[in-house]
């Protein structure tokens, strides 16, 4: 793999992204969203984008929050299971639609309507901003070929 310029090498821009993420995390907490739901959203968008670095990070973070390994294993097929709550399903559908905007050019009305049915306005905003943030992180790490951190397992 060709070595790439690390976009994180611009500390002021990286810090701006980190500040955005901190605000998104705060918005999710203030809206009463389970942090595990937001980790699932990050995982699903990262699966679609093929971001190994973010998948590794957010799988670890989700497990540390008490997420079930089984749910992480089947996340790509979440529609085929009954393992996810109505709220999680709506957030995952929104994450998929927003992540695929370059192809679809829209968030379908049915996805929006279901998300706004089961999420409050503040929760909807927090999920949407989480999708925006993780897609930005994915693009940064994929473009830079950011290697996975060294771990035992």
N, C-alpha and C. Protein backbone atom coordinates (compact mmCIF):
# COMPACT_ATOMS: atom_id res chain seq x y z
N UNK A 1 0.84 -1.17 0.00
CA UNK A 1 0.00 0.00 0.00
C UNK A 1 0.89 1.24 0.00
N UNK A 2 0.59 2.19 -0.85
CA UNK A 2 1.36 3.41 -0.96
C UNK A 2 1.23 4.24 0.31
N UNK A 3 2.36 4.67 0.84
CA UNK A 3 2.34 5.55 2.02
C UNK A 3 1.73 6.88 1.59
N UNK A 4 0.85 7.40 2.42
CA UNK A 4 0.13 8.64 2.12
C UNK A 4 0.44 9.70 3.16
N UNK A 5 0.19 10.95 2.79
CA UNK A 5 0.30 12.06 3.73
C UNK A 5 -0.79 11.89 4.78
N UNK A 6 -0.41 11.97 6.03
CA UNK A 6 -1.37 11.84 7.13
C UNK A 6 -2.12 13.16 7.28
N UNK A 7 -3.41 13.12 7.02
CA UNK A 7 -4.22 14.34 7.16
C UNK A 7 -4.29 14.80 8.60
N UNK A 8 -4.08 13.88 9.54
CA UNK A 8 -4.03 14.24 10.96
C UNK A 8 -2.78 15.07 11.25
N UNK A 9 -1.87 15.18 10.28
CA UNK A 9 -0.66 15.98 10.45
C UNK A 9 -0.91 17.48 10.43
N UNK A 10 -2.16 17.89 10.21
CA UNK A 10 -2.54 19.31 10.31
C UNK A 10 -3.25 19.46 11.66
N UNK A 11 -2.49 19.72 12.74
CA UNK A 11 -3.06 19.65 14.08
C UNK A 11 -4.27 20.56 14.31
N UNK A 12 -4.27 21.74 13.72
CA UNK A 12 -5.40 22.65 13.94
C UNK A 12 -6.68 22.12 13.28
N UNK A 13 -6.55 21.50 12.12
CA UNK A 13 -7.73 20.93 11.45
C UNK A 13 -8.18 19.65 12.15
N UNK A 14 -7.21 18.84 12.57
CA UNK A 14 -7.55 17.62 13.31
C UNK A 14 -8.27 17.98 14.61
N UNK A 15 -7.79 19.01 15.29
CA UNK A 15 -8.42 19.44 16.54
C UNK A 15 -9.83 19.94 16.29
N UNK A 16 -10.05 20.61 15.16
CA UNK A 16 -11.41 21.06 14.82
C UNK A 16 -12.34 19.86 14.65
N UNK A 17 -11.85 18.79 14.02
CA UNK A 17 -12.64 17.57 13.88
C UNK A 17 -12.91 16.94 15.25
N UNK A 18 -11.89 16.90 16.08
CA UNK A 18 -12.05 16.34 17.42
C UNK A 18 -13.05 17.17 18.23
N UNK A 19 -13.02 18.49 18.07
CA UNK A 19 -13.98 19.35 18.76
C UNK A 19 -15.40 19.09 18.25
N UNK A 20 -15.55 18.92 16.94
CA UNK A 20 -16.86 18.58 16.38
C UNK A 20 -17.35 17.28 16.99
N UNK A 21 -16.50 16.26 17.05
CA UNK A 21 -16.89 14.97 17.61
C UNK A 21 -17.30 15.12 19.07
N UNK A 22 -16.58 15.92 19.82
CA UNK A 22 -16.93 16.14 21.23
C UNK A 22 -18.31 16.78 21.35
N UNK A 23 -18.62 17.72 20.48
CA UNK A 23 -19.94 18.37 20.49
C UNK A 23 -21.04 17.40 20.08
N UNK A 24 -20.75 16.54 19.11
CA UNK A 24 -21.72 15.52 18.69
C UNK A 24 -21.98 14.56 19.84
N UNK A 25 -20.92 14.14 20.53
CA UNK A 25 -21.08 13.25 21.69
C UNK A 25 -21.95 13.91 22.75
N UNK A 26 -21.68 15.18 23.00
CA UNK A 26 -22.45 15.93 24.00
C UNK A 26 -23.92 16.04 23.58
N UNK A 27 -24.17 16.31 22.31
CA UNK A 27 -25.55 16.42 21.81
C UNK A 27 -26.28 15.09 21.97
N UNK A 28 -25.60 13.99 21.69
CA UNK A 28 -26.21 12.68 21.87
C UNK A 28 -26.56 12.41 23.32
N UNK A 29 -25.65 12.73 24.22
CA UNK A 29 -25.90 12.53 25.65
C UNK A 29 -27.04 13.43 26.12
N UNK A 30 -27.02 14.70 25.71
CA UNK A 30 -28.07 15.64 26.11
C UNK A 30 -29.44 15.23 25.58
N UNK A 31 -29.46 14.54 24.44
CA UNK A 31 -30.72 14.09 23.85
C UNK A 31 -31.19 12.77 24.45
N UNK A 32 -30.38 12.19 25.32
CA UNK A 32 -30.76 10.94 25.97
C UNK A 32 -30.52 9.69 25.14
N UNK A 33 -29.65 9.79 24.15
CA UNK A 33 -29.34 8.62 23.32
C UNK A 33 -28.35 7.70 24.03
N UNK A 34 -28.57 6.42 23.91
CA UNK A 34 -27.65 5.43 24.45
C UNK A 34 -26.35 5.53 23.65
N UNK A 35 -25.21 5.68 24.31
CA UNK A 35 -23.93 5.76 23.57
C UNK A 35 -23.70 4.54 22.66
N UNK A 36 -24.25 3.38 23.04
CA UNK A 36 -24.09 2.19 22.19
C UNK A 36 -24.79 2.39 20.85
N UNK A 37 -25.93 3.08 20.83
CA UNK A 37 -26.62 3.37 19.56
C UNK A 37 -25.71 4.18 18.65
N UNK A 38 -25.04 5.18 19.21
CA UNK A 38 -24.16 6.00 18.39
C UNK A 38 -22.95 5.21 17.89
N UNK A 39 -22.47 4.27 18.69
CA UNK A 39 -21.38 3.41 18.21
C UNK A 39 -21.86 2.52 17.07
N UNK A 40 -23.10 2.02 17.15
CA UNK A 40 -23.64 1.23 16.05
C UNK A 40 -23.73 2.06 14.77
N UNK A 41 -24.14 3.30 14.91
CA UNK A 41 -24.22 4.21 13.75
C UNK A 41 -22.83 4.39 13.14
N UNK A 42 -21.83 4.62 13.98
CA UNK A 42 -20.46 4.78 13.49
C UNK A 42 -19.97 3.51 12.79
N UNK A 43 -20.30 2.38 13.39
CA UNK A 43 -19.90 1.10 12.80
C UNK A 43 -20.56 0.89 11.44
N UNK A 44 -21.85 1.16 11.36
CA UNK A 44 -22.56 0.90 10.10
C UNK A 44 -22.05 1.79 8.98
N UNK A 45 -21.87 3.07 9.25
CA UNK A 45 -21.33 3.96 8.22
C UNK A 45 -19.92 3.53 7.83
N UNK A 46 -19.12 3.13 8.80
CA UNK A 46 -17.75 2.69 8.52
C UNK A 46 -17.73 1.39 7.72
N UNK A 47 -18.71 0.51 7.94
CA UNK A 47 -18.83 -0.70 7.12
C UNK A 47 -19.09 -0.32 5.67
N UNK A 48 -20.03 0.57 5.46
CA UNK A 48 -20.38 0.99 4.09
C UNK A 48 -19.18 1.63 3.41
N UNK A 49 -18.45 2.46 4.14
CA UNK A 49 -17.31 3.16 3.56
C UNK A 49 -16.05 2.30 3.49
N UNK A 50 -16.04 1.17 4.18
CA UNK A 50 -14.87 0.30 4.15
C UNK A 50 -13.71 0.84 4.95
N UNK A 51 -13.99 1.47 6.08
CA UNK A 51 -12.93 2.09 6.89
C UNK A 51 -12.51 1.15 8.01
N UNK A 52 -11.45 0.40 7.79
CA UNK A 52 -10.97 -0.57 8.77
C UNK A 52 -10.55 0.11 10.07
N UNK A 53 -9.91 1.25 9.97
CA UNK A 53 -9.45 1.95 11.17
C UNK A 53 -10.63 2.29 12.08
N UNK A 54 -11.69 2.87 11.50
CA UNK A 54 -12.85 3.26 12.31
C UNK A 54 -13.64 2.04 12.77
N UNK A 55 -13.72 1.00 11.96
CA UNK A 55 -14.38 -0.23 12.40
C UNK A 55 -13.67 -0.81 13.62
N UNK A 56 -12.36 -0.86 13.58
CA UNK A 56 -11.57 -1.37 14.69
C UNK A 56 -11.82 -0.53 15.95
N UNK A 57 -11.76 0.77 15.81
CA UNK A 57 -11.92 1.67 16.94
C UNK A 57 -13.32 1.56 17.55
N UNK A 58 -14.33 1.62 16.70
CA UNK A 58 -15.69 1.68 17.23
C UNK A 58 -16.22 0.33 17.67
N UNK A 59 -15.69 -0.75 17.14
CA UNK A 59 -16.03 -2.08 17.68
C UNK A 59 -15.48 -2.18 19.10
N UNK A 60 -14.25 -1.76 19.29
CA UNK A 60 -13.64 -1.78 20.63
C UNK A 60 -14.43 -0.89 21.58
N UNK A 61 -14.76 0.33 21.12
CA UNK A 61 -15.51 1.27 21.97
C UNK A 61 -16.88 0.70 22.33
N UNK A 62 -17.56 0.09 21.36
CA UNK A 62 -18.88 -0.48 21.61
C UNK A 62 -18.80 -1.61 22.63
N UNK A 63 -17.80 -2.46 22.49
CA UNK A 63 -17.62 -3.57 23.44
C UNK A 63 -17.35 -3.04 24.84
N UNK A 64 -16.55 -1.99 24.94
CA UNK A 64 -16.26 -1.38 26.24
C UNK A 64 -17.50 -0.79 26.88
N UNK A 65 -18.47 -0.36 26.06
CA UNK A 65 -19.74 0.17 26.57
C UNK A 65 -20.72 -0.95 26.93
N UNK A 66 -20.34 -2.20 26.67
CA UNK A 66 -21.20 -3.32 26.99
C UNK A 66 -22.01 -3.85 25.83
N UNK A 67 -21.68 -3.41 24.62
CA UNK A 67 -22.38 -3.91 23.44
C UNK A 67 -22.11 -5.40 23.27
N UNK A 68 -23.09 -6.09 22.75
CA UNK A 68 -23.00 -7.53 22.52
C UNK A 68 -22.16 -7.82 21.27
N UNK A 69 -21.16 -8.71 21.38
CA UNK A 69 -20.42 -9.09 20.18
C UNK A 69 -21.34 -9.62 19.08
N UNK A 70 -22.36 -10.36 19.47
CA UNK A 70 -23.28 -10.93 18.47
C UNK A 70 -23.90 -9.82 17.62
N UNK A 71 -24.35 -8.74 18.24
CA UNK A 71 -24.97 -7.65 17.48
C UNK A 71 -23.94 -6.99 16.55
N UNK A 72 -22.70 -6.90 16.97
CA UNK A 72 -21.67 -6.34 16.10
C UNK A 72 -21.39 -7.28 14.93
N UNK A 73 -21.41 -8.58 15.18
CA UNK A 73 -21.16 -9.56 14.12
C UNK A 73 -22.21 -9.48 13.02
N UNK A 74 -23.47 -9.21 13.39
CA UNK A 74 -24.55 -9.21 12.40
C UNK A 74 -24.99 -7.81 11.99
N UNK A 75 -24.25 -6.80 12.38
CA UNK A 75 -24.67 -5.41 12.11
C UNK A 75 -24.93 -5.16 10.63
N UNK A 76 -24.11 -5.71 9.76
CA UNK A 76 -24.29 -5.51 8.32
C UNK A 76 -25.64 -6.06 7.84
N UNK A 77 -26.19 -7.03 8.56
CA UNK A 77 -27.48 -7.62 8.20
C UNK A 77 -28.56 -7.30 9.22
N UNK A 78 -28.49 -6.13 9.83
CA UNK A 78 -29.40 -5.77 10.94
C UNK A 78 -30.87 -5.91 10.58
N UNK A 79 -31.23 -5.70 9.33
CA UNK A 79 -32.65 -5.79 8.93
C UNK A 79 -33.20 -7.22 9.03
N UNK A 80 -32.30 -8.19 9.01
CA UNK A 80 -32.72 -9.59 9.01
C UNK A 80 -32.83 -10.18 10.41
N UNK A 81 -32.67 -9.36 11.44
CA UNK A 81 -32.70 -9.87 12.81
C UNK A 81 -33.72 -9.10 13.64
N UNK A 82 -33.96 -9.63 14.82
CA UNK A 82 -34.79 -8.90 15.78
C UNK A 82 -33.93 -8.45 16.96
N UNK A 83 -32.63 -8.30 16.72
CA UNK A 83 -31.68 -7.95 17.78
C UNK A 83 -31.59 -6.45 18.05
N UNK A 84 -32.19 -5.63 17.19
CA UNK A 84 -32.05 -4.19 17.31
C UNK A 84 -33.40 -3.55 17.61
N UNK A 85 -33.38 -2.56 18.50
CA UNK A 85 -34.61 -1.87 18.89
C UNK A 85 -35.13 -1.03 17.72
N UNK A 86 -36.36 -0.61 17.86
CA UNK A 86 -36.97 0.25 16.84
C UNK A 86 -36.16 1.52 16.64
N UNK A 87 -35.69 2.10 17.74
CA UNK A 87 -34.89 3.32 17.67
C UNK A 87 -33.55 3.05 16.97
N UNK A 88 -32.91 1.94 17.30
CA UNK A 88 -31.65 1.58 16.65
C UNK A 88 -31.86 1.34 15.16
N UNK A 89 -32.93 0.65 14.81
CA UNK A 89 -33.22 0.39 13.40
C UNK A 89 -33.39 1.70 12.63
N UNK A 90 -34.12 2.64 13.21
CA UNK A 90 -34.33 3.93 12.54
C UNK A 90 -33.00 4.67 12.39
N UNK A 91 -32.17 4.64 13.43
CA UNK A 91 -30.87 5.31 13.37
C UNK A 91 -29.96 4.65 12.33
N UNK A 92 -29.99 3.33 12.26
CA UNK A 92 -29.16 2.61 11.28
C UNK A 92 -29.63 2.89 9.85
N UNK A 93 -30.93 2.94 9.64
CA UNK A 93 -31.46 3.24 8.30
C UNK A 93 -31.06 4.67 7.90
N UNK A 94 -31.15 5.60 8.84
CA UNK A 94 -30.74 6.97 8.56
C UNK A 94 -29.24 7.03 8.25
N UNK A 95 -28.44 6.32 9.03
CA UNK A 95 -27.00 6.29 8.79
C UNK A 95 -26.68 5.76 7.40
N UNK A 96 -27.36 4.69 7.01
CA UNK A 96 -27.13 4.13 5.67
C UNK A 96 -27.52 5.13 4.58
N UNK A 97 -28.69 5.74 4.73
CA UNK A 97 -29.17 6.67 3.70
C UNK A 97 -28.23 7.88 3.58
N UNK A 98 -27.81 8.42 4.71
CA UNK A 98 -26.91 9.58 4.66
C UNK A 98 -25.54 9.22 4.13
N UNK A 99 -25.05 8.03 4.45
CA UNK A 99 -23.73 7.60 3.99
C UNK A 99 -23.74 7.34 2.49
N UNK A 100 -24.87 6.92 1.96
CA UNK A 100 -24.98 6.61 0.53
C UNK A 100 -25.45 7.80 -0.30
N UNK A 101 -25.46 9.00 0.26
CA UNK A 101 -25.91 10.18 -0.48
C UNK A 101 -25.21 10.38 -1.82
N UNK A 102 -23.91 10.11 -1.94
CA UNK A 102 -23.29 10.28 -3.25
C UNK A 102 -23.93 9.43 -4.35
N UNK A 103 -24.55 8.33 -3.98
CA UNK A 103 -25.20 7.45 -4.95
C UNK A 103 -26.68 7.78 -5.07
N UNK A 104 -27.36 7.90 -3.93
CA UNK A 104 -28.82 8.04 -3.94
C UNK A 104 -29.30 9.47 -4.10
N UNK A 105 -28.47 10.43 -3.71
CA UNK A 105 -28.80 11.85 -3.78
C UNK A 105 -29.96 12.25 -2.87
N UNK A 106 -30.36 11.38 -1.93
CA UNK A 106 -31.48 11.72 -1.06
C UNK A 106 -31.54 10.78 0.14
N UNK A 107 -32.16 11.28 1.20
CA UNK A 107 -32.62 10.42 2.29
C UNK A 107 -34.08 10.18 1.99
N UNK A 108 -34.46 8.93 1.71
CA UNK A 108 -35.85 8.66 1.34
C UNK A 108 -36.83 9.13 2.42
N UNK A 109 -37.99 9.55 1.97
CA UNK A 109 -39.01 10.04 2.89
C UNK A 109 -39.37 9.01 3.95
N UNK A 110 -39.48 7.74 3.56
CA UNK A 110 -39.85 6.72 4.55
C UNK A 110 -38.80 6.57 5.64
N UNK A 111 -37.53 6.72 5.29
CA UNK A 111 -36.45 6.65 6.28
C UNK A 111 -36.55 7.85 7.22
N UNK A 112 -36.73 9.04 6.64
CA UNK A 112 -36.86 10.25 7.45
C UNK A 112 -38.08 10.16 8.37
N UNK A 113 -39.20 9.74 7.82
CA UNK A 113 -40.43 9.67 8.61
C UNK A 113 -40.32 8.68 9.76
N UNK A 114 -39.70 7.53 9.53
CA UNK A 114 -39.52 6.55 10.61
C UNK A 114 -38.56 7.09 11.67
N UNK A 115 -37.49 7.72 11.22
CA UNK A 115 -36.52 8.27 12.18
C UNK A 115 -37.18 9.35 13.04
N UNK A 116 -37.96 10.23 12.44
CA UNK A 116 -38.59 11.29 13.22
C UNK A 116 -39.78 10.78 14.03
N UNK A 117 -40.27 9.59 13.71
CA UNK A 117 -41.34 8.99 14.51
C UNK A 117 -40.79 8.44 15.83
N UNK A 118 -39.60 7.82 15.78
CA UNK A 118 -39.07 7.15 16.97
C UNK A 118 -37.96 7.93 17.68
N UNK A 119 -37.48 8.98 17.06
CA UNK A 119 -36.46 9.83 17.68
C UNK A 119 -37.04 11.22 17.91
N UNK A 120 -36.68 11.84 19.02
CA UNK A 120 -37.05 13.24 19.22
C UNK A 120 -36.26 14.09 18.23
N UNK A 121 -36.63 15.35 18.11
CA UNK A 121 -35.88 16.25 17.20
C UNK A 121 -34.41 16.31 17.61
N UNK A 122 -34.15 16.43 18.90
CA UNK A 122 -32.76 16.50 19.36
C UNK A 122 -32.02 15.18 19.10
N UNK A 123 -32.69 14.06 19.28
CA UNK A 123 -32.07 12.77 18.98
C UNK A 123 -31.80 12.62 17.49
N UNK A 124 -32.75 13.04 16.67
CA UNK A 124 -32.56 12.99 15.22
C UNK A 124 -31.34 13.81 14.83
N UNK A 125 -31.27 15.03 15.34
CA UNK A 125 -30.12 15.90 15.03
C UNK A 125 -28.81 15.24 15.46
N UNK A 126 -28.79 14.66 16.66
CA UNK A 126 -27.57 14.04 17.16
C UNK A 126 -27.15 12.86 16.28
N UNK A 127 -28.09 12.04 15.88
CA UNK A 127 -27.77 10.91 14.99
C UNK A 127 -27.26 11.44 13.65
N UNK A 128 -27.96 12.41 13.09
CA UNK A 128 -27.55 12.96 11.79
C UNK A 128 -26.14 13.56 11.87
N UNK A 129 -25.87 14.31 12.93
CA UNK A 129 -24.53 14.88 13.08
C UNK A 129 -23.49 13.79 13.31
N UNK A 130 -23.88 12.71 13.98
CA UNK A 130 -22.94 11.59 14.15
C UNK A 130 -22.59 10.99 12.80
N UNK A 131 -23.57 10.85 11.93
CA UNK A 131 -23.32 10.31 10.59
C UNK A 131 -22.40 11.25 9.82
N UNK A 132 -22.66 12.53 9.91
CA UNK A 132 -21.79 13.52 9.24
C UNK A 132 -20.37 13.40 9.76
N UNK A 133 -20.22 13.32 11.07
CA UNK A 133 -18.88 13.25 11.67
C UNK A 133 -18.16 11.96 11.27
N UNK A 134 -18.82 10.81 11.39
CA UNK A 134 -18.12 9.56 11.10
C UNK A 134 -17.77 9.45 9.62
N UNK A 135 -18.62 9.97 8.76
CA UNK A 135 -18.26 9.96 7.33
C UNK A 135 -17.03 10.82 7.08
N UNK A 136 -16.90 11.92 7.80
CA UNK A 136 -15.70 12.76 7.67
C UNK A 136 -14.47 12.02 8.19
N UNK A 137 -14.60 11.39 9.36
CA UNK A 137 -13.48 10.61 9.90
C UNK A 137 -13.10 9.48 8.94
N UNK A 138 -14.09 8.79 8.39
CA UNK A 138 -13.81 7.71 7.43
C UNK A 138 -13.01 8.24 6.26
N UNK A 139 -13.42 9.34 5.71
CA UNK A 139 -12.73 9.90 4.55
C UNK A 139 -11.30 10.30 4.89
N UNK A 140 -11.10 10.81 6.09
CA UNK A 140 -9.75 11.20 6.51
C UNK A 140 -8.85 9.97 6.66
N UNK A 141 -9.33 8.93 7.35
CA UNK A 141 -8.46 7.79 7.60
C UNK A 141 -8.25 6.92 6.35
N UNK A 142 -9.28 6.79 5.53
CA UNK A 142 -9.12 6.01 4.29
C UNK A 142 -8.17 6.72 3.33
N UNK A 143 -8.35 8.02 3.16
CA UNK A 143 -7.49 8.78 2.25
C UNK A 143 -6.03 8.74 2.69
N UNK A 144 -5.81 8.74 4.00
CA UNK A 144 -4.44 8.73 4.55
C UNK A 144 -3.85 7.34 4.68
N UNK A 145 -4.66 6.28 4.41
CA UNK A 145 -4.21 4.91 4.67
C UNK A 145 -3.74 4.76 6.11
N UNK A 146 -4.53 5.29 7.03
CA UNK A 146 -4.17 5.23 8.45
C UNK A 146 -4.13 3.77 8.89
N UNK A 147 -2.97 3.33 9.41
CA UNK A 147 -2.86 1.92 9.82
C UNK A 147 -3.60 1.67 11.13
N UNK A 148 -3.99 0.43 11.30
CA UNK A 148 -4.61 0.04 12.56
C UNK A 148 -3.59 0.17 13.68
N UNK A 149 -4.06 0.53 14.87
CA UNK A 149 -3.13 0.58 16.01
C UNK A 149 -2.69 -0.83 16.37
N UNK A 150 -1.52 -0.95 16.94
CA UNK A 150 -0.99 -2.24 17.37
C UNK A 150 -1.77 -2.67 18.61
N UNK A 151 -2.29 -3.88 18.60
CA UNK A 151 -3.00 -4.47 19.74
C UNK A 151 -2.65 -5.96 19.80
N UNK A 152 -2.89 -6.54 20.94
CA UNK A 152 -2.63 -7.99 21.09
C UNK A 152 -3.62 -8.81 20.27
N UNK A 153 -4.89 -8.40 20.26
CA UNK A 153 -5.90 -9.20 19.55
C UNK A 153 -6.73 -8.35 18.66
